[in-house]
Amino acid sequence: MLDEQDDCEPERQLLVAEREAYARSSIIALPDEQLRVIRLSFFDGLAHAEIANLLGIPLGTVKSRIRLALQRLRDRVGELK
């Protein structure tokens, strides 16, 4: 006998895939300067000071760009609810 959870599994997988695609497209849609610091920080694991040195920009600018990018992403993710 199939239980109800088995019937919902493909639907759940589709929902997860759609949300992942939306998150990915949201990250890619960030302005270039924000996308760059997000990639360096979260994907490459660099500290904010390392990013500032690498890009030749003030540490405060790095922090501001990360903060603005995260706010944009939060706003977009909020659209999913």
Protein backbone atom coordinates (compact mmCIF):
# COMPACT_ATOMS: atom_id res chain seq x y z
CA MET A 1 0.00 0.00 0.00
CA LEU A 2 1.39 3.40 -0.99
CA ASP A 3 1.25 6.04 1.66
CA GLU A 4 0.41 9.67 1.00
CA GLN A 5 4.02 10.79 1.53
CA ASP A 6 5.20 8.72 -1.46
CA ASP A 7 2.62 10.44 -3.66
CA CYS A 8 3.96 13.89 -2.70
CA GLU A 9 7.66 13.13 -3.24
CA PRO A 10 7.89 14.17 -6.93
CA GLU A 11 5.93 17.33 -6.15
CA ARG A 12 8.27 18.14 -3.24
CA GLN A 13 11.33 17.53 -5.40
CA LEU A 14 9.96 19.88 -8.07
CA LEU A 15 9.31 22.59 -5.47
CA VAL A 16 12.86 22.26 -4.10
CA ALA A 17 14.32 22.44 -7.62
CA GLU A 18 12.26 25.54 -8.43
CA ARG A 19 13.38 27.27 -5.24
CA GLU A 20 17.02 26.43 -5.89
CA ALA A 21 16.74 27.84 -9.42
CA TYR A 22 15.09 30.99 -8.06
CA ALA A 23 17.83 31.44 -5.45
CA ARG A 24 20.53 30.93 -8.10
CA SER A 25 18.91 33.44 -10.46
CA SER A 26 18.54 35.91 -7.58
CA ILE A 27 22.26 35.73 -6.84
CA ILE A 28 23.19 36.11 -10.50
CA ALA A 29 20.86 39.13 -10.81
CA LEU A 30 22.79 41.09 -8.19
CA PRO A 31 24.70 44.14 -9.41
CA ASP A 32 28.23 43.15 -10.45
CA GLU A 33 29.99 44.83 -7.51
CA GLN A 34 27.69 43.08 -5.02
CA LEU A 35 27.90 39.74 -6.79
CA ARG A 36 31.68 39.88 -6.75
CA VAL A 37 31.97 40.41 -2.99
CA ILE A 38 29.30 37.76 -2.29
CA ARG A 39 31.21 35.22 -4.38
CA LEU A 40 34.51 36.05 -2.73
CA SER A 41 33.05 35.97 0.77
CA PHE A 42 30.57 33.09 0.71
CA PHE A 43 31.84 30.88 -2.09
CA ASP A 44 35.59 31.47 -1.91
CA GLY A 45 35.66 31.91 1.86
CA LEU A 46 37.65 35.14 1.95
CA ALA A 47 37.48 37.45 4.95
CA HIS A 48 36.14 40.95 4.40
CA ALA A 49 39.61 42.46 4.86
CA GLU A 50 41.04 40.04 2.28
CA ILE A 51 38.36 41.06 -0.20
CA ALA A 52 39.10 44.74 0.42
CA ASN A 53 42.81 44.15 -0.23
CA LEU A 54 42.16 42.02 -3.30
CA LEU A 55 39.78 44.53 -4.89
CA GLY A 56 41.61 47.62 -3.67
CA ILE A 57 38.53 49.08 -2.00
CA PRO A 58 37.86 50.19 1.60
CA LEU A 59 36.74 47.57 4.10
CA GLY A 60 33.57 49.57 4.76
CA THR A 61 32.69 49.36 1.07
CA VAL A 62 33.03 45.57 1.14
CA LYS A 63 30.75 45.37 4.17
CA SER A 64 28.20 47.73 2.61
CA ARG A 65 28.09 45.75 -0.63
CA ILE A 66 27.61 42.49 1.24
CA ARG A 67 24.88 44.01 3.41
CA LEU A 68 23.05 45.44 0.37
CA ALA A 69 23.35 42.15 -1.53
CA LEU A 70 22.00 40.14 1.40
CA GLN A 71 19.08 42.55 1.77
CA ARG A 72 18.23 42.18 -1.92
CA LEU A 73 18.36 38.40 -1.58
CA ARG A 74 16.16 38.48 1.55
CA ASP A 75 13.63 40.62 -0.29
CA ARG A 76 13.54 38.21 -3.24
CA VAL A 77 13.29 35.13 -1.03
CA GLY A 78 10.43 36.82 0.81
CA GLU A 79 8.54 36.76 -2.50
CA LEU A 80 8.44 32.96 -2.29
CA LYS A 81 6.26 32.95 0.82
